[in-house]
Protein backbone atom coordinates (compact mmCIF):
# COMPACT_ATOMS: atom_id res chain seq x y z
CA UNK A 1 -3.06 90.97 28.06
CA UNK A 2 -0.83 90.82 24.99
CA UNK A 3 -3.39 88.62 23.22
CA UNK A 4 -6.11 91.20 23.77
CA UNK A 5 -4.03 94.24 22.83
CA UNK A 6 -2.55 93.66 19.41
CA UNK A 7 -2.99 95.86 16.35
CA UNK A 8 -3.01 99.61 16.01
CA UNK A 9 -3.03 102.03 18.91
CA UNK A 10 -6.59 103.16 18.17
CA UNK A 11 -7.88 99.56 18.06
CA UNK A 12 -6.10 98.80 21.33
CA UNK A 13 -7.55 101.91 22.93
CA UNK A 14 -11.09 100.99 21.84
CA UNK A 15 -10.71 97.43 23.19
CA UNK A 16 -9.25 98.67 26.49
CA UNK A 17 -12.02 101.25 26.82
CA UNK A 18 -14.67 98.56 26.21
CA UNK A 19 -13.07 96.24 28.77
CA UNK A 20 -12.93 99.00 31.38
CA UNK A 21 -16.53 100.00 30.66
CA UNK A 22 -17.82 96.43 31.10
CA UNK A 23 -15.87 96.06 34.34
CA UNK A 24 -17.31 99.36 35.55
CA UNK A 25 -20.86 98.29 34.68
CA UNK A 26 -20.38 94.98 36.47
CA UNK A 27 -18.62 96.02 39.68
CA UNK A 28 -19.27 99.71 40.41
CA UNK A 29 -22.57 100.12 42.25
CA UNK A 30 -25.03 102.85 41.40
CA UNK A 31 -26.02 105.14 44.25
CA UNK A 32 -29.32 106.95 44.14
CA UNK A 33 -29.22 110.19 46.04
CA UNK A 34 -32.50 111.73 46.98
CA UNK A 35 -32.73 115.47 47.26
CA UNK A 36 -35.58 115.55 49.73
CA UNK A 37 -35.71 118.31 52.31
CA UNK A 38 -34.71 117.41 55.84
CA UNK A 39 -37.56 117.71 58.34
CA UNK A 40 -35.51 119.67 60.86
CA UNK A 41 -34.30 122.19 58.27
CA UNK A 42 -36.87 124.94 58.53
CA UNK A 43 -36.61 128.31 56.86
CA UNK A 44 -35.43 129.92 60.10
CA UNK A 45 -32.72 127.27 60.58
CA UNK A 46 -31.50 127.67 57.01
CA UNK A 47 -31.35 131.43 57.51
CA UNK A 48 -29.20 130.99 60.63
CA UNK A 49 -26.87 128.55 58.88
CA UNK A 50 -26.30 130.89 55.95
CA UNK A 51 -25.71 133.75 58.38
CA UNK A 52 -23.16 131.64 60.25
CA UNK A 53 -21.33 130.84 56.99
CA UNK A 54 -21.31 134.52 56.00
CA UNK A 55 -19.88 135.60 59.38
CA UNK A 56 -17.25 132.87 59.28
CA UNK A 57 -16.14 133.98 55.79
CA UNK A 58 -15.76 137.53 57.11
CA UNK A 59 -13.60 136.55 60.05
CA UNK A 60 -11.45 134.22 57.94
CA UNK A 61 -10.46 137.22 55.84
CA UNK A 62 -7.29 138.77 57.27
CA UNK A 63 -8.28 142.20 55.90
CA UNK A 64 -11.47 142.36 57.98
CA UNK A 65 -11.14 145.27 60.49
CA UNK A 66 -11.83 143.21 63.63
CA UNK A 67 -9.25 140.65 62.56
CA UNK A 68 -6.65 143.31 61.82
CA UNK A 69 -7.25 144.85 65.23
CA UNK A 70 -6.63 141.49 66.94
CA UNK A 71 -3.41 140.80 64.99
CA UNK A 72 -1.80 144.21 65.62
């Protein structure tokens, strides 16, 4: 490693960055993610899921009246 990194700090940084980039290109796989719509996810199902998330956010809040009533 000492043979590769000799000279100024900027030169060493550029060499190290190039080495890391080539290693990344060689060994890190590329993953293609497709954004296609799931067949089971209909409009009605999506509406119910968003409603469930909204209700859960409400009940997580400790200032929500129903939650305050339960804690008192």
